[in-house]
Amino acid sequence: MFQGIMPLVARNEEFRALHRYYTTRPQNPLKKKQSLILLCCKLIRIFFALMTKKTAYNPQKMMNDIKKPALQAA
């Protein structure tokens, strides 16, 4: 999974934005490898949800991780 997430972060805009957010967030920023491992776990959860719920991939739903902390601060 780890070797598969690196090209995904390099080519997929949503995963790149999540990686950038996790490594540069003001509170508790992660190191690059920590962020990649977190994204591996997220990819597993996405695969599981797609297979069990039989729905299409929705990048906006995945990007909610970035928007939620902004809403909590307001």
PDB file of N, CA and C in Angstrom:
ATOM      1  N   MET A   1       0.818  -1.194   0.000  1.00  0.00           N
ATOM      2  CA  MET A   1       0.000   0.000   0.000  1.00  0.00           C
ATOM      3  C   MET A   1       0.862   1.259   0.000  1.00  0.00           C
ATOM      4  N   PHE A   2       1.950   1.203   0.770  1.00  0.00           N
ATOM      5  CA  PHE A   2       2.801   2.393   0.885  1.00  0.00           C
ATOM      6  C   PHE A   2       3.395   2.764  -0.472  1.00  0.00           C
ATOM      7  N   GLN A   3       3.852   1.770  -1.228  1.00  0.00           N
ATOM      8  CA  GLN A   3       4.422   2.065  -2.542  1.00  0.00           C
ATOM      9  C   GLN A   3       3.356   2.519  -3.534  1.00  0.00           C
ATOM     10  N   GLY A   4       2.128   2.148  -3.302  1.00  0.00           N
ATOM     11  CA  GLY A   4       1.043   2.579  -4.174  1.00  0.00           C
ATOM     12  C   GLY A   4       0.528   3.968  -3.852  1.00  0.00           C
ATOM     13  N   ILE A   5       0.702   4.405  -2.620  1.00  0.00           N
ATOM     14  CA  ILE A   5       0.171   5.716  -2.240  1.00  0.00           C
ATOM     15  C   ILE A   5       1.071   6.848  -2.751  1.00  0.00           C
ATOM     16  N   MET A   6       2.351   6.579  -2.910  1.00  0.00           N
ATOM     17  CA  MET A   6       3.259   7.652  -3.358  1.00  0.00           C
ATOM     18  C   MET A   6       2.909   8.167  -4.752  1.00  0.00           C
ATOM     19  N   PRO A   7       2.696   7.303  -5.769  1.00  0.00           N
ATOM     20  CA  PRO A   7       2.273   7.850  -7.062  1.00  0.00           C
ATOM     21  C   PRO A   7       0.876   8.470  -7.017  1.00  0.00           C
ATOM     22  N   LEU A   8       0.035   7.952  -6.139  1.00  0.00           N
ATOM     23  CA  LEU A   8      -1.305   8.517  -6.004  1.00  0.00           C
ATOM     24  C   LEU A   8      -1.238   9.948  -5.479  1.00  0.00           C
ATOM     25  N   VAL A   9      -0.375  10.189  -4.506  1.00  0.00           N
ATOM     26  CA  VAL A   9      -0.195  11.547  -3.974  1.00  0.00           C
ATOM     27  C   VAL A   9       0.427  12.452  -5.036  1.00  0.00           C
ATOM     28  N   ALA A  10       1.288  11.890  -5.864  1.00  0.00           N
ATOM     29  CA  ALA A  10       1.947  12.697  -6.892  1.00  0.00           C
ATOM     30  C   ALA A  10       0.999  13.081  -8.025  1.00  0.00           C
ATOM     31  N   ARG A  11       0.003  12.234  -8.319  1.00  0.00           N
ATOM     32  CA  ARG A  11      -0.830  12.471  -9.499  1.00  0.00           C
ATOM     33  C   ARG A  11      -2.280  12.843  -9.199  1.00  0.00           C
ATOM     34  N   ASN A  12      -2.782  12.528  -8.023  1.00  0.00           N
ATOM     35  CA  ASN A  12      -4.177  12.788  -7.691  1.00  0.00           C
ATOM     36  C   ASN A  12      -4.263  14.060  -6.857  1.00  0.00           C
ATOM     37  N   GLU A  13      -5.060  14.998  -7.329  1.00  0.00           N
ATOM     38  CA  GLU A  13      -5.140  16.316  -6.677  1.00  0.00           C
ATOM     39  C   GLU A  13      -5.717  16.231  -5.268  1.00  0.00           C
ATOM     40  N   GLU A  14      -6.710  15.380  -5.052  1.00  0.00           N
ATOM     41  CA  GLU A  14      -7.325  15.286  -3.726  1.00  0.00           C
ATOM     42  C   GLU A  14      -6.359  14.703  -2.702  1.00  0.00           C
ATOM     43  N   PHE A  15      -5.672  13.625  -3.067  1.00  0.00           N
ATOM     44  CA  PHE A  15      -4.712  13.031  -2.138  1.00  0.00           C
ATOM     45  C   PHE A  15      -3.525  13.969  -1.908  1.00  0.00           C
ATOM     46  N   ARG A  16      -3.134  14.715  -2.932  1.00  0.00           N
ATOM     47  CA  ARG A  16      -2.049  15.685  -2.774  1.00  0.00           C
ATOM     48  C   ARG A  16      -2.459  16.782  -1.795  1.00  0.00           C
ATOM     49  N   ALA A  17      -3.696  17.246  -1.893  1.00  0.00           N
ATOM     50  CA  ALA A  17      -4.182  18.288  -0.983  1.00  0.00           C
ATOM     51  C   ALA A  17      -4.258  17.763   0.453  1.00  0.00           C
ATOM     52  N   LEU A  18      -4.716  16.525   0.627  1.00  0.00           N
ATOM     53  CA  LEU A  18      -4.756  15.950   1.972  1.00  0.00           C
ATOM     54  C   LEU A  18      -3.353  15.801   2.552  1.00  0.00           C
ATOM     55  N   HIS A  19      -2.412  15.353   1.732  1.00  0.00           N
ATOM     56  CA  HIS A  19      -1.029  15.196   2.196  1.00  0.00           C
ATOM     57  C   HIS A  19      -0.450  16.558   2.600  1.00  0.00           C
ATOM     58  N   ARG A  20      -0.701  17.559   1.790  1.00  0.00           N
ATOM     59  CA  ARG A  20      -0.218  18.909   2.098  1.00  0.00           C
ATOM     60  C   ARG A  20      -0.851  19.417   3.394  1.00  0.00           C
ATOM     61  N   TYR A  21      -2.141  19.147   3.578  1.00  0.00           N
ATOM     62  CA  TYR A  21      -2.830  19.583   4.794  1.00  0.00           C
ATOM     63  C   TYR A  21      -2.257  18.894   6.030  1.00  0.00           C
ATOM     64  N   TYR A  22      -2.092  17.573   5.961  1.00  0.00           N
ATOM     65  CA  TYR A  22      -1.605  16.830   7.125  1.00  0.00           C
ATOM     66  C   TYR A  22      -0.178  17.224   7.507  1.00  0.00           C
ATOM     67  N   THR A  23       0.649  17.597   6.549  1.00  0.00           N
ATOM     68  CA  THR A  23       2.036  17.945   6.860  1.00  0.00           C
ATOM     69  C   THR A  23       2.214  19.405   7.244  1.00  0.00           C
ATOM     70  N   THR A  24       1.219  20.249   6.947  1.00  0.00           N
ATOM     71  CA  THR A  24       1.380  21.671   7.230  1.00  0.00           C
ATOM     72  C   THR A  24       0.315  22.235   8.155  1.00  0.00           C
ATOM     73  N   ARG A  25      -0.541  21.409   8.715  1.00  0.00           N
ATOM     74  CA  ARG A  25      -1.588  21.937   9.582  1.00  0.00           C
ATOM     75  C   ARG A  25      -0.965  22.576  10.822  1.00  0.00           C
ATOM     76  N   PRO A  26      -1.617  23.601  11.353  1.00  0.00           N
ATOM     77  CA  PRO A  26      -1.018  24.334  12.475  1.00  0.00           C
ATOM     78  C   PRO A  26      -0.891  23.509  13.755  1.00  0.00           C
ATOM     79  N   GLN A  27      -1.889  22.699  14.054  1.00  0.00           N
ATOM     80  CA  GLN A  27      -1.835  21.874  15.261  1.00  0.00           C
ATOM     81  C   GLN A  27      -1.510  20.439  14.870  1.00  0.00           C
ATOM     82  N   ASN A  28      -0.472  19.896  15.489  1.00  0.00           N
ATOM     83  CA  ASN A  28      -0.056  18.516  15.287  1.00  0.00           C
ATOM     84  C   ASN A  28       0.255  18.179  13.826  1.00  0.00           C
ATOM     85  N   PRO A  29       1.176  18.896  13.190  1.00  0.00           N
ATOM     86  CA  PRO A  29       1.538  18.524  11.816  1.00  0.00           C
ATOM     87  C   PRO A  29       2.268  17.182  11.817  1.00  0.00           C
ATOM     88  N   LEU A  30       2.021  16.402  10.783  1.00  0.00           N
ATOM     89  CA  LEU A  30       2.647  15.087  10.666  1.00  0.00           C
ATOM     90  C   LEU A  30       3.899  15.174   9.816  1.00  0.00           C
ATOM     91  N   LYS A  31       4.803  14.228  10.028  1.00  0.00           N
ATOM     92  CA  LYS A  31       5.947  14.107   9.130  1.00  0.00           C
ATOM     93  C   LYS A  31       5.451  13.476   7.845  1.00  0.00           C
ATOM     94  N   LYS A  32       6.268  13.550   6.786  1.00  0.00           N
ATOM     95  CA  LYS A  32       5.821  13.089   5.473  1.00  0.00           C
ATOM     96  C   LYS A  32       5.444  11.615   5.467  1.00  0.00           C
ATOM     97  N   LYS A  33       6.251  10.770   6.083  1.00  0.00           N
ATOM     98  CA  LYS A  33       5.940   9.337   6.103  1.00  0.00           C
ATOM     99  C   LYS A  33       4.703   9.051   6.938  1.00  0.00           C
ATOM    100  N   GLN A  34       4.522   9.782   8.023  1.00  0.00           N
ATOM    101  CA  GLN A  34       3.326   9.603   8.838  1.00  0.00           C
ATOM    102  C   GLN A  34       2.074   9.947   8.038  1.00  0.00           C
ATOM    103  N   SER A  35       2.155  11.009   7.265  1.00  0.00           N
ATOM    104  CA  SER A  35       1.031  11.415   6.441  1.00  0.00           C
ATOM    105  C   SER A  35       0.736  10.360   5.374  1.00  0.00           C
ATOM    106  N   LEU A  36       1.768   9.801   4.770  1.00  0.00           N
ATOM    107  CA  LEU A  36       1.561   8.770   3.749  1.00  0.00           C
ATOM    108  C   LEU A  36       0.911   7.520   4.341  1.00  0.00           C
ATOM    109  N   ILE A  37       1.311   7.141   5.542  1.00  0.00           N
ATOM    110  CA  ILE A  37       0.695   5.990   6.205  1.00  0.00           C
ATOM    111  C   ILE A  37      -0.777   6.291   6.507  1.00  0.00           C
ATOM    112  N   LEU A  38      -1.065   7.488   6.960  1.00  0.00           N
ATOM    113  CA  LEU A  38      -2.442   7.884   7.212  1.00  0.00           C
ATOM    114  C   LEU A  38      -3.264   7.822   5.930  1.00  0.00           C
ATOM    115  N   LEU A  39      -2.677   8.248   4.818  1.00  0.00           N
ATOM    116  CA  LEU A  39      -3.376   8.200   3.537  1.00  0.00           C
ATOM    117  C   LEU A  39      -3.566   6.763   3.058  1.00  0.00           C
ATOM    118  N   CYS A  40      -2.643   5.862   3.396  1.00  0.00           N
ATOM    119  CA  CYS A  40      -2.830   4.436   3.085  1.00  0.00           C
ATOM    120  C   CYS A  40      -4.066   3.909   3.808  1.00  0.00           C
ATOM    121  N   CYS A  41      -4.193   4.250   5.068  1.00  0.00           N
ATOM    122  CA  CYS A  41      -5.367   3.822   5.846  1.00  0.00           C
ATOM    123  C   CYS A  41      -6.643   4.412   5.260  1.00  0.00           C
ATOM    124  N   LYS A  42      -6.574   5.657   4.835  1.00  0.00           N
ATOM    125  CA  LYS A  42      -7.735   6.310   4.235  1.00  0.00           C
ATOM    126  C   LYS A  42      -8.128   5.618   2.936  1.00  0.00           C
ATOM    127  N   LEU A  43      -7.136   5.224   2.140  1.00  0.00           N
ATOM    128  CA  LEU A  43      -7.413   4.531   0.884  1.00  0.00           C
ATOM    129  C   LEU A  43      -8.087   3.182   1.146  1.00  0.00           C
ATOM    130  N   ILE A  44      -7.654   2.483   2.170  1.00  0.00           N
ATOM    131  CA  ILE A  44      -8.292   1.212   2.535  1.00  0.00           C
ATOM    132  C   ILE A  44      -9.752   1.454   2.915  1.00  0.00           C
ATOM    133  N   ARG A  45     -10.008   2.501   3.694  1.00  0.00           N
ATOM    134  CA  ARG A  45     -11.383   2.810   4.091  1.00  0.00           C
ATOM    135  C   ARG A  45     -12.237   3.197   2.877  1.00  0.00           C
ATOM    136  N   ILE A  46     -11.637   3.903   1.915  1.00  0.00           N
ATOM    137  CA  ILE A  46     -12.357   4.271   0.699  1.00  0.00           C
ATOM    138  C   ILE A  46     -12.707   3.016  -0.098  1.00  0.00           C
ATOM    139  N   PHE A  47     -11.731   2.119  -0.277  1.00  0.00           N
ATOM    140  CA  PHE A  47     -11.991   0.869  -0.996  1.00  0.00           C
ATOM    141  C   PHE A  47     -13.104   0.073  -0.313  1.00  0.00           C
ATOM    142  N   PHE A  48     -13.043  -0.026   1.002  1.00  0.00           N
ATOM    143  CA  PHE A  48     -14.046  -0.779   1.749  1.00  0.00           C
ATOM    144  C   PHE A  48     -15.434  -0.184   1.554  1.00  0.00           C
ATOM    145  N   ALA A  49     -15.535   1.134   1.651  1.00  0.00           N
ATOM    146  CA  ALA A  49     -16.831   1.797   1.496  1.00  0.00           C
ATOM    147  C   ALA A  49     -17.363   1.634   0.072  1.00  0.00           C
ATOM    148  N   LEU A  50     -16.493   1.737  -0.912  1.00  0.00           N
ATOM    149  CA  LEU A  50     -16.938   1.584  -2.297  1.00  0.00           C
ATOM    150  C   LEU A  50     -17.455   0.176  -2.563  1.00  0.00           C
ATOM    151  N   MET A  51     -16.799  -0.807  -1.968  1.00  0.00           N
ATOM    152  CA  MET A  51     -17.199  -2.193  -2.210  1.00  0.00           C
ATOM    153  C   MET A  51     -18.451  -2.573  -1.412  1.00  0.00           C
ATOM    154  N   THR A  52     -18.578  -2.125  -0.193  1.00  0.00           N
ATOM    155  CA  THR A  52     -19.722  -2.528   0.618  1.00  0.00           C
ATOM    156  C   THR A  52     -20.986  -1.738   0.282  1.00  0.00           C
ATOM    157  N   LYS A  53     -20.835  -0.448  -0.001  1.00  0.00           N
ATOM    158  CA  LYS A  53     -22.007   0.385  -0.290  1.00  0.00           C
ATOM    159  C   LYS A  53     -22.347   0.432  -1.779  1.00  0.00           C
ATOM    160  N   LYS A  54     -21.404  -0.052  -2.610  1.00  0.00           N
ATOM    161  CA  LYS A  54     -21.600  -0.074  -4.068  1.00  0.00           C
ATOM    162  C   LYS A  54     -21.960   1.317  -4.614  1.00  0.00           C
ATOM    163  N   THR A  55     -21.166   2.298  -4.207  1.00  0.00           N
ATOM    164  CA  THR A  55     -21.362   3.664  -4.664  1.00  0.00           C
ATOM    165  C   THR A  55     -20.151   4.097  -5.495  1.00  0.00           C
ATOM    166  N   ALA A  56     -20.295   5.198  -6.173  1.00  0.00           N
ATOM    167  CA  ALA A  56     -19.195   5.749  -6.966  1.00  0.00           C
ATOM    168  C   ALA A  56     -18.277   6.574  -6.063  1.00  0.00           C
ATOM    169  N   TYR A  57     -17.035   6.698  -6.483  1.00  0.00           N
ATOM    170  CA  TYR A  57     -16.053   7.490  -5.738  1.00  0.00           C
ATOM    171  C   TYR A  57     -16.450   8.961  -5.785  1.00  0.00           C
ATOM    172  N   ASN A  58     -16.459   9.603  -4.629  1.00  0.00           N
ATOM    173  CA  ASN A  58     -16.821  11.011  -4.537  1.00  0.00           C
ATOM    174  C   ASN A  58     -15.666  11.767  -3.874  1.00  0.00           C
ATOM    175  N   PRO A  59     -14.876  12.523  -4.655  1.00  0.00           N
ATOM    176  CA  PRO A  59     -13.735  13.230  -4.053  1.00  0.00           C
ATOM    177  C   PRO A  59     -14.150  14.308  -3.060  1.00  0.00           C
ATOM    178  N   GLN A  60     -15.318  14.907  -3.231  1.00  0.00           N
ATOM    179  CA  GLN A  60     -15.759  15.940  -2.292  1.00  0.00           C
ATOM    180  C   GLN A  60     -16.016  15.359  -0.909  1.00  0.00           C
ATOM    181  N   LYS A  61     -16.516  14.143  -0.852  1.00  0.00           N
ATOM    182  CA  LYS A  61     -16.754  13.494   0.436  1.00  0.00           C
ATOM    183  C   LYS A  61     -15.435  13.222   1.148  1.00  0.00           C
ATOM    184  N   MET A  62     -14.411  12.859   0.380  1.00  0.00           N
ATOM    185  CA  MET A  62     -13.104  12.597   0.963  1.00  0.00           C
ATOM    186  C   MET A  62     -12.449  13.882   1.479  1.00  0.00           C
ATOM    187  N   MET A  63     -12.699  14.979   0.820  1.00  0.00           N
ATOM    188  CA  MET A  63     -12.070  16.242   1.187  1.00  0.00           C
ATOM    189  C   MET A  63     -12.693  16.864   2.438  1.00  0.00           C
ATOM    190  N   ASN A  64     -13.712  16.256   3.000  1.00  0.00           N
ATOM    191  CA  ASN A  64     -14.332  16.786   4.218  1.00  0.00           C
ATOM    192  C   ASN A  64     -13.358  16.817   5.385  1.00  0.00           C
ATOM    193  N   ASP A  65     -12.285  16.026   5.345  1.00  0.00           N
ATOM    194  CA  ASP A  65     -11.298  16.046   6.426  1.00  0.00           C
ATOM    195  C   ASP A  65     -10.632  17.411   6.551  1.00  0.00           C
ATOM    196  N   ILE A  66     -10.490  18.097   5.472  1.00  0.00           N
ATOM    197  CA  ILE A  66      -9.858  19.417   5.508  1.00  0.00           C
ATOM    198  C   ILE A  66     -10.864  20.471   5.978  1.00  0.00           C
ATOM    199  N   LYS A  67     -12.099  20.354   5.560  1.00  0.00           N
ATOM    200  CA  LYS A  67     -13.087  21.379   5.868  1.00  0.00           C
ATOM    201  C   LYS A  67     -13.598  21.327   7.293  1.00  0.00           C
ATOM    202  N   LYS A  68     -13.665  20.166   7.905  1.00  0.00           N
ATOM    203  CA  LYS A  68     -14.204  20.042   9.258  1.00  0.00           C
ATOM    204  C   LYS A  68     -13.437  20.848  10.299  1.00  0.00           C
ATOM    205  N   PRO A  69     -12.078  20.792  10.343  1.00  0.00           N
ATOM    206  CA  PRO A  69     -11.395  21.613  11.349  1.00  0.00           C
ATOM    207  C   PRO A  69     -11.621  23.104  11.155  1.00  0.00           C
ATOM    208  N   ALA A  70     -11.787  23.550   9.930  1.00  0.00           N
ATOM    209  CA  ALA A  70     -12.027  24.969   9.686  1.00  0.00           C
ATOM    210  C   ALA A  70     -13.385  25.373  10.249  1.00  0.00           C
ATOM    211  N   LEU A  71     -14.368  24.492  10.115  1.00  0.00           N
ATOM    212  CA  LEU A  71     -15.704  24.800  10.633  1.00  0.00           C
ATOM    213  C   LEU A  71     -15.715  24.767  12.169  1.00  0.00           C
ATOM    214  N   GLN A  72     -14.942  23.883  12.766  1.00  0.00           N
ATOM    215  CA  GLN A  72     -14.915  23.792  14.213  1.00  0.00           C
ATOM    216  C   GLN A  72     -14.280  25.024  14.837  1.00  0.00           C
ATOM    217  N   ALA A  73     -13.308  25.626  14.158  1.00  0.00           N
ATOM    218  CA  ALA A  73     -12.637  26.813  14.686  1.00  0.00           C
ATOM    219  C   ALA A  73     -13.569  28.036  14.646  1.00  0.00           C
ATOM    220  N   ALA A  74     -14.489  28.042  13.699  1.00  0.00           N
ATOM    221  CA  ALA A  74     -15.403  29.198  13.541  1.00  0.00           C
ATOM    222  C   ALA A  74     -16.533  29.134  14.485  1.00  0.00           C
TER     223      ALA A  74
END
